[in-house]
PDB file of N, CA and C in Angstrom:
ATOM      1  N   MET A   1     -14.981  30.382  -0.840  1.00  0.00           N
ATOM      2  CA  MET A   1     -14.825  29.434  -0.577  1.00  0.00           C
ATOM      3  C   MET A   1     -13.523  28.487  -1.562  1.00  0.00           C
ATOM      4  N   ASN A   2     -12.857  28.524  -2.806  1.00  0.00           N
ATOM      5  CA  ASN A   2     -11.746  28.365  -3.208  1.00  0.00           C
ATOM      6  C   ASN A   2     -10.734  28.393  -1.674  1.00  0.00           C
ATOM      7  N   ARG A   3     -10.836  29.034  -0.980  1.00  0.00           N
ATOM      8  CA  ARG A   3      -9.479  29.594   0.186  1.00  0.00           C
ATOM      9  C   ARG A   3     -10.021  28.139   1.109  1.00  0.00           C
ATOM     10  N   THR A   4     -11.380  28.473   1.325  1.00  0.00           N
ATOM     11  CA  THR A   4     -11.666  26.673   1.963  1.00  0.00           C
ATOM     12  C   THR A   4     -11.196  25.860   1.518  1.00  0.00           C
ATOM     13  N   ILE A   5     -11.466  25.374   0.491  1.00  0.00           N
ATOM     14  CA  ILE A   5     -11.441  24.356  -0.347  1.00  0.00           C
ATOM     15  C   ILE A   5      -9.443  23.954   0.306  1.00  0.00           C
ATOM     16  N   ARG A   6      -8.720  24.646  -0.449  1.00  0.00           N
ATOM     17  CA  ARG A   6      -7.411  24.560  -0.437  1.00  0.00           C
ATOM     18  C   ARG A   6      -6.790  24.006   0.968  1.00  0.00           C
ATOM     19  N   VAL A   7      -7.618  25.037   1.913  1.00  0.00           N
ATOM     20  CA  VAL A   7      -6.918  24.644   3.297  1.00  0.00           C
ATOM     21  C   VAL A   7      -7.335  23.095   3.503  1.00  0.00           C
ATOM     22  N   LEU A   8      -8.498  23.434   3.322  1.00  0.00           N
ATOM     23  CA  LEU A   8      -8.643  21.366   3.262  1.00  0.00           C
ATOM     24  C   LEU A   8      -8.307  19.902   3.237  1.00  0.00           C
ATOM     25  N   LEU A   9      -7.977  20.865   2.195  1.00  0.00           N
ATOM     26  CA  LEU A   9      -6.855  19.656   0.794  1.00  0.00           C
ATOM     27  C   LEU A   9      -5.257  19.364   1.391  1.00  0.00           C
ATOM     28  N   LEU A  10      -4.760  21.038   1.523  1.00  0.00           N
ATOM     29  CA  LEU A  10      -3.741  21.348   2.082  1.00  0.00           C
ATOM     30  C   LEU A  10      -3.273  20.178   3.375  1.00  0.00           C
ATOM     31  N   THR A  11      -3.975  20.500   4.667  1.00  0.00           N
ATOM     32  CA  THR A  11      -4.601  20.008   6.032  1.00  0.00           C
ATOM     33  C   THR A  11      -4.765  18.545   5.662  1.00  0.00           C
ATOM     34  N   SER A  12      -5.158  18.060   5.239  1.00  0.00           N
ATOM     35  CA  SER A  12      -5.190  16.606   4.665  1.00  0.00           C
ATOM     36  C   SER A  12      -4.489  15.734   4.089  1.00  0.00           C
ATOM     37  N   LEU A  13      -3.684  16.479   2.923  1.00  0.00           N
ATOM     38  CA  LEU A  13      -2.118  16.158   2.991  1.00  0.00           C
ATOM     39  C   LEU A  13      -1.286  15.657   3.957  1.00  0.00           C
ATOM     40  N   LEU A  14      -0.909  16.992   4.838  1.00  0.00           N
ATOM     41  CA  LEU A  14       0.204  16.917   5.263  1.00  0.00           C
ATOM     42  C   LEU A  14      -0.420  15.492   6.316  1.00  0.00           C
ATOM     43  N   GLY A  15      -1.512  16.144   6.719  1.00  0.00           N
ATOM     44  CA  GLY A  15      -1.685  14.660   7.520  1.00  0.00           C
ATOM     45  C   GLY A  15      -1.347  13.172   7.233  1.00  0.00           C
ATOM     46  N   VAL A  16      -1.387  13.077   5.989  1.00  0.00           N
ATOM     47  CA  VAL A  16      -1.388  11.735   5.326  1.00  0.00           C
ATOM     48  C   VAL A  16      -0.134  11.227   5.324  1.00  0.00           C
ATOM     49  N   SER A  17       0.141  12.618   5.048  1.00  0.00           N
ATOM     50  CA  SER A  17       2.156  12.569   4.707  1.00  0.00           C
ATOM     51  C   SER A  17       2.775  12.088   6.033  1.00  0.00           C
ATOM     52  N   ALA A  18       2.321  12.668   6.531  1.00  0.00           N
ATOM     53  CA  ALA A  18       2.608  12.047   8.108  1.00  0.00           C
ATOM     54  C   ALA A  18       3.305  10.925   8.267  1.00  0.00           C
ATOM     55  N   CYS A  19       2.048  10.158   8.246  1.00  0.00           N
ATOM     56  CA  CYS A  19       2.534   8.472   8.690  1.00  0.00           C
ATOM     57  C   CYS A  19       3.410   8.135   7.897  1.00  0.00           C
ATOM     58  N   SER A  20       4.154   7.741   8.678  1.00  0.00           N
ATOM     59  CA  SER A  20       5.158   6.145   8.292  1.00  0.00           C
ATOM     60  C   SER A  20       4.523   5.171   7.156  1.00  0.00           C
ATOM     61  N   THR A  21       3.509   4.030   7.726  1.00  0.00           N
ATOM     62  CA  THR A  21       2.935   3.534   7.248  1.00  0.00           C
ATOM     63  C   THR A  21       1.533   3.950   6.223  1.00  0.00           C
ATOM     64  N   PRO A  22       1.789   3.463   5.741  1.00  0.00           N
ATOM     65  CA  PRO A  22       0.279   3.866   4.220  1.00  0.00           C
ATOM     66  C   PRO A  22      -0.504   3.628   4.962  1.00  0.00           C
ATOM     67  N   PRO A  23      -1.446   4.669   5.655  1.00  0.00           N
ATOM     68  CA  PRO A  23      -2.979   5.148   5.805  1.00  0.00           C
ATOM     69  C   PRO A  23      -3.748   3.580   5.568  1.00  0.00           C
ATOM     70  N   THR A  24      -4.443   3.428   7.253  1.00  0.00           N
ATOM     71  CA  THR A  24      -5.542   2.887   6.871  1.00  0.00           C
ATOM     72  C   THR A  24      -6.548   3.563   5.922  1.00  0.00           C
ATOM     73  N   ASN A  25      -7.700   1.496   5.873  1.00  0.00           N
ATOM     74  CA  ASN A  25      -9.252   2.695   5.663  1.00  0.00           C
ATOM     75  C   ASN A  25      -9.942   3.096   5.807  1.00  0.00           C
ATOM     76  N   LYS A  26      -9.344   3.474   7.471  1.00  0.00           N
ATOM     77  CA  LYS A  26     -10.846   4.507   8.159  1.00  0.00           C
ATOM     78  C   LYS A  26      -9.593   5.968   8.165  1.00  0.00           C
ATOM     79  N   GLN A  27      -8.465   5.772   7.867  1.00  0.00           N
ATOM     80  CA  GLN A  27      -7.874   7.018   7.976  1.00  0.00           C
ATOM     81  C   GLN A  27      -8.182   8.079   7.224  1.00  0.00           C
ATOM     82  N   VAL A  28      -8.301   7.207   6.164  1.00  0.00           N
ATOM     83  CA  VAL A  28      -8.469   7.120   4.294  1.00  0.00           C
ATOM     84  C   VAL A  28     -10.075   7.790   4.298  1.00  0.00           C
ATOM     85  N   GLY A  29     -10.662   7.180   4.283  1.00  0.00           N
ATOM     86  CA  GLY A  29     -12.049   7.663   4.919  1.00  0.00           C
ATOM     87  C   GLY A  29     -12.526   8.538   5.784  1.00  0.00           C
ATOM     88  N   ALA A  30     -11.964   8.791   6.759  1.00  0.00           N
ATOM     89  CA  ALA A  30     -11.846   9.649   7.534  1.00  0.00           C
ATOM     90  C   ALA A  30     -11.464  11.414   6.810  1.00  0.00           C
ATOM     91  N   THR A  31     -10.180  11.155   6.451  1.00  0.00           N
ATOM     92  CA  THR A  31      -9.363  12.045   5.356  1.00  0.00           C
ATOM     93  C   THR A  31     -10.452  12.770   4.872  1.00  0.00           C
ATOM     94  N   ALA A  32     -11.079  11.519   3.310  1.00  0.00           N
ATOM     95  CA  ALA A  32     -11.984  11.484   2.088  1.00  0.00           C
ATOM     96  C   ALA A  32     -13.638  12.600   2.486  1.00  0.00           C
ATOM     97  N   GLY A  33     -13.553  12.116   3.487  1.00  0.00           N
ATOM     98  CA  GLY A  33     -15.042  12.443   5.144  1.00  0.00           C
ATOM     99  C   GLY A  33     -14.958  13.696   5.063  1.00  0.00           C
ATOM    100  N   ALA A  34     -13.794  13.840   5.550  1.00  0.00           N
ATOM    101  CA  ALA A  34     -13.051  15.689   6.573  1.00  0.00           C
ATOM    102  C   ALA A  34     -13.651  16.737   5.131  1.00  0.00           C
ATOM    103  N   VAL A  35     -12.624  16.289   4.261  1.00  0.00           N
ATOM    104  CA  VAL A  35     -12.657  17.178   2.664  1.00  0.00           C
ATOM    105  C   VAL A  35     -13.874  17.542   2.223  1.00  0.00           C
ATOM    106  N   ILE A  36     -14.333  16.465   2.087  1.00  0.00           N
ATOM    107  CA  ILE A  36     -16.164  16.961   1.696  1.00  0.00           C
ATOM    108  C   ILE A  36     -17.409  17.070   2.101  1.00  0.00           C
ATOM    109  N   GLY A  37     -17.055  17.177   3.397  1.00  0.00           N
ATOM    110  CA  GLY A  37     -17.936  17.412   4.302  1.00  0.00           C
ATOM    111  C   GLY A  37     -17.556  19.558   3.972  1.00  0.00           C
ATOM    112  N   GLY A  38     -16.400  19.349   4.380  1.00  0.00           N
ATOM    113  CA  GLY A  38     -15.665  20.739   4.636  1.00  0.00           C
ATOM    114  C   GLY A  38     -16.971  21.800   3.725  1.00  0.00           C
ATOM    115  N   VAL A  39     -16.077  21.209   2.604  1.00  0.00           N
ATOM    116  CA  VAL A  39     -16.710  21.945   1.420  1.00  0.00           C
ATOM    117  C   VAL A  39     -18.541  21.053   1.439  1.00  0.00           C
ATOM    118  N   VAL A  40     -19.286  20.572   1.681  1.00  0.00           N
ATOM    119  CA  VAL A  40     -20.650  21.126   1.619  1.00  0.00           C
ATOM    120  C   VAL A  40     -20.867  21.622   2.345  1.00  0.00           C
ATOM    121  N   GLY A  41     -20.088  22.050   3.589  1.00  0.00           N
ATOM    122  CA  GLY A  41     -20.837  22.278   4.813  1.00  0.00           C
ATOM    123  C   GLY A  41     -20.754  23.951   4.840  1.00  0.00           C
ATOM    124  N   SER A  42     -19.174  24.784   4.127  1.00  0.00           N
ATOM    125  CA  SER A  42     -19.145  25.521   3.610  1.00  0.00           C
ATOM    126  C   SER A  42     -20.113  26.007   2.435  1.00  0.00           C
ATOM    127  N   ALA A  43     -20.067  25.216   1.709  1.00  0.00           N
ATOM    128  CA  ALA A  43     -21.603  25.797   0.462  1.00  0.00           C
ATOM    129  C   ALA A  43     -22.705  26.176   0.840  1.00  0.00           C
ATOM    130  N   LEU A  44     -23.220  24.803   2.150  1.00  0.00           N
ATOM    131  CA  LEU A  44     -24.594  24.793   2.532  1.00  0.00           C
ATOM    132  C   LEU A  44     -24.929  26.505   3.277  1.00  0.00           C
ATOM    133  N   THR A  45     -23.790  26.385   4.086  1.00  0.00           N
ATOM    134  CA  THR A  45     -23.911  27.817   5.433  1.00  0.00           C
ATOM    135  C   THR A  45     -23.853  29.600   4.200  1.00  0.00           C
ATOM    136  N   GLY A  46     -23.125  29.679   2.958  1.00  0.00           N
ATOM    137  CA  GLY A  46     -22.596  30.320   2.343  1.00  0.00           C
ATOM    138  C   GLY A  46     -21.586  31.274   2.518  1.00  0.00           C
ATOM    139  N   GLY A  47     -20.240  29.606   2.842  1.00  0.00           N
ATOM    140  CA  GLY A  47     -18.982  30.018   3.616  1.00  0.00           C
ATOM    141  C   GLY A  47     -18.854  30.444   4.579  1.00  0.00           C
ATOM    142  N   SER A  48     -19.567  30.253   5.705  1.00  0.00           N
ATOM    143  CA  SER A  48     -19.051  30.495   6.990  1.00  0.00           C
ATOM    144  C   SER A  48     -18.517  29.494   7.466  1.00  0.00           C
ATOM    145  N   THR A  49     -17.342  29.811   8.512  1.00  0.00           N
ATOM    146  CA  THR A  49     -16.576  28.946   9.164  1.00  0.00           C
ATOM    147  C   THR A  49     -17.649  27.827  10.010  1.00  0.00           C
ATOM    148  N   ALA A  50     -18.212  28.022  10.770  1.00  0.00           N
ATOM    149  CA  ALA A  50     -19.020  27.172  11.606  1.00  0.00           C
ATOM    150  C   ALA A  50     -19.351  26.062  10.613  1.00  0.00           C
ATOM    151  N   GLY A  51     -19.856  26.660   9.399  1.00  0.00           N
ATOM    152  CA  GLY A  51     -20.802  25.415   8.838  1.00  0.00           C
ATOM    153  C   GLY A  51     -19.369  24.830   8.178  1.00  0.00           C
ATOM    154  N   THR A  52     -18.116  24.944   7.656  1.00  0.00           N
ATOM    155  CA  THR A  52     -17.470  24.281   6.928  1.00  0.00           C
ATOM    156  C   THR A  52     -16.714  23.626   8.685  1.00  0.00           C
ATOM    157  N   VAL A  53     -16.894  23.755   9.525  1.00  0.00           N
ATOM    158  CA  VAL A  53     -16.527  23.188  10.875  1.00  0.00           C
ATOM    159  C   VAL A  53     -16.571  21.973  10.865  1.00  0.00           C
ATOM    160  N   ALA A  54     -18.395  22.155  10.970  1.00  0.00           N
ATOM    161  CA  ALA A  54     -19.442  21.353  11.492  1.00  0.00           C
ATOM    162  C   ALA A  54     -19.490  20.385  10.123  1.00  0.00           C
ATOM    163  N   GLY A  55     -19.392  20.136   9.494  1.00  0.00           N
ATOM    164  CA  GLY A  55     -19.109  19.922   8.127  1.00  0.00           C
ATOM    165  C   GLY A  55     -18.302  18.658   7.727  1.00  0.00           C
ATOM    166  N   ALA A  56     -16.956  18.885   8.469  1.00  0.00           N
ATOM    167  CA  ALA A  56     -15.745  18.962   8.410  1.00  0.00           C
ATOM    168  C   ALA A  56     -15.744  17.722   9.135  1.00  0.00           C
ATOM    169  N   GLY A  57     -16.144  18.223   9.850  1.00  0.00           N
ATOM    170  CA  GLY A  57     -16.284  16.275  11.260  1.00  0.00           C
ATOM    171  C   GLY A  57     -17.586  15.784  11.268  1.00  0.00           C
ATOM    172  N   ALA A  58     -18.563  16.136  10.609  1.00  0.00           N
ATOM    173  CA  ALA A  58     -19.986  14.798   9.857  1.00  0.00           C
ATOM    174  C   ALA A  58     -19.299  13.985   9.098  1.00  0.00           C
ATOM    175  N   GLY A  59     -18.801  14.954   7.909  1.00  0.00           N
ATOM    176  CA  GLY A  59     -18.016  13.991   7.254  1.00  0.00           C
ATOM    177  C   GLY A  59     -16.447  12.831   7.821  1.00  0.00           C
ATOM    178  N   ALA A  60     -16.012  13.679   8.701  1.00  0.00           N
ATOM    179  CA  ALA A  60     -14.738  12.776   9.268  1.00  0.00           C
ATOM    180  C   ALA A  60     -15.647  11.187   9.938  1.00  0.00           C
ATOM    181  N   ALA A  61     -16.577  11.445  10.379  1.00  0.00           N
ATOM    182  CA  ALA A  61     -16.658  10.732  11.167  1.00  0.00           C
ATOM    183  C   ALA A  61     -17.340   9.591  10.684  1.00  0.00           C
ATOM    184  N   VAL A  62     -18.763  10.153   9.635  1.00  0.00           N
ATOM    185  CA  VAL A  62     -18.853   9.179   8.160  1.00  0.00           C
ATOM    186  C   VAL A  62     -17.964   8.538   7.520  1.00  0.00           C
ATOM    187  N   GLY A  63     -17.050   8.929   7.176  1.00  0.00           N
ATOM    188  CA  GLY A  63     -15.860   8.469   6.360  1.00  0.00           C
ATOM    189  C   GLY A  63     -15.644   7.191   7.107  1.00  0.00           C
ATOM    190  N   TYR A  64     -14.727   7.909   8.419  1.00  0.00           N
ATOM    191  CA  TYR A  64     -14.652   7.443   8.660  1.00  0.00           C
ATOM    192  C   TYR A  64     -14.954   5.530   9.342  1.00  0.00           C
ATOM    193  N   GLU A  65     -16.868   5.780   9.278  1.00  0.00           N
ATOM    194  CA  GLU A  65     -17.213   4.694   9.493  1.00  0.00           C
ATOM    195  C   GLU A  65     -17.333   4.057   8.619  1.00  0.00           C
ATOM    196  N   ILE A  66     -17.218   4.206   6.972  1.00  0.00           N
ATOM    197  CA  ILE A  66     -17.906   3.719   5.768  1.00  0.00           C
ATOM    198  C   ILE A  66     -15.968   3.185   6.204  1.00  0.00           C
ATOM    199  N   GLY A  67     -14.838   4.041   5.504  1.00  0.00           N
ATOM    200  CA  GLY A  67     -13.831   2.965   5.899  1.00  0.00           C
ATOM    201  C   GLY A  67     -13.585   2.101   6.623  1.00  0.00           C
ATOM    202  N   LYS A  68     -13.943   1.633   8.463  1.00  0.00           N
ATOM    203  CA  LYS A  68     -14.037   1.018   8.545  1.00  0.00           C
ATOM    204  C   LYS A  68     -14.358  -0.524   8.106  1.00  0.00           C
ATOM    205  N   ARG A  69     -15.881  -0.251   7.223  1.00  0.00           N
ATOM    206  CA  ARG A  69     -16.468  -1.332   6.621  1.00  0.00           C
ATOM    207  C   ARG A  69     -15.784  -2.040   5.026  1.00  0.00           C
ATOM    208  N   VAL A  70     -15.020  -1.390   4.852  1.00  0.00           N
ATOM    209  CA  VAL A  70     -14.160  -1.622   4.134  1.00  0.00           C
ATOM    210  C   VAL A  70     -12.436  -2.366   4.072  1.00  0.00           C
ATOM    211  N   LYS A  71     -12.517  -3.077   2.981  1.00  0.00           N
ATOM    212  CA  LYS A  71     -11.906  -4.354   3.158  1.00  0.00           C
ATOM    213  C   LYS A  71     -10.381  -4.427   2.539  1.00  0.00           C
TER     214      LYS A  71
END
């Protein structure tokens, strides 16, 4: 599970650092949601790749929606 967390965090950091402007609340929410969802998905499915990816996708969608509502 540690490897999964490291990969998700590194991917998120690279994605955010590539922006030339500060990230929007939607982008921050989607990134945080993907990381948290990936960790939860991995934990619930015993570290399966499919569970991690599904959790990251669901988390990104939820985080994006929350980010849209934050001012």
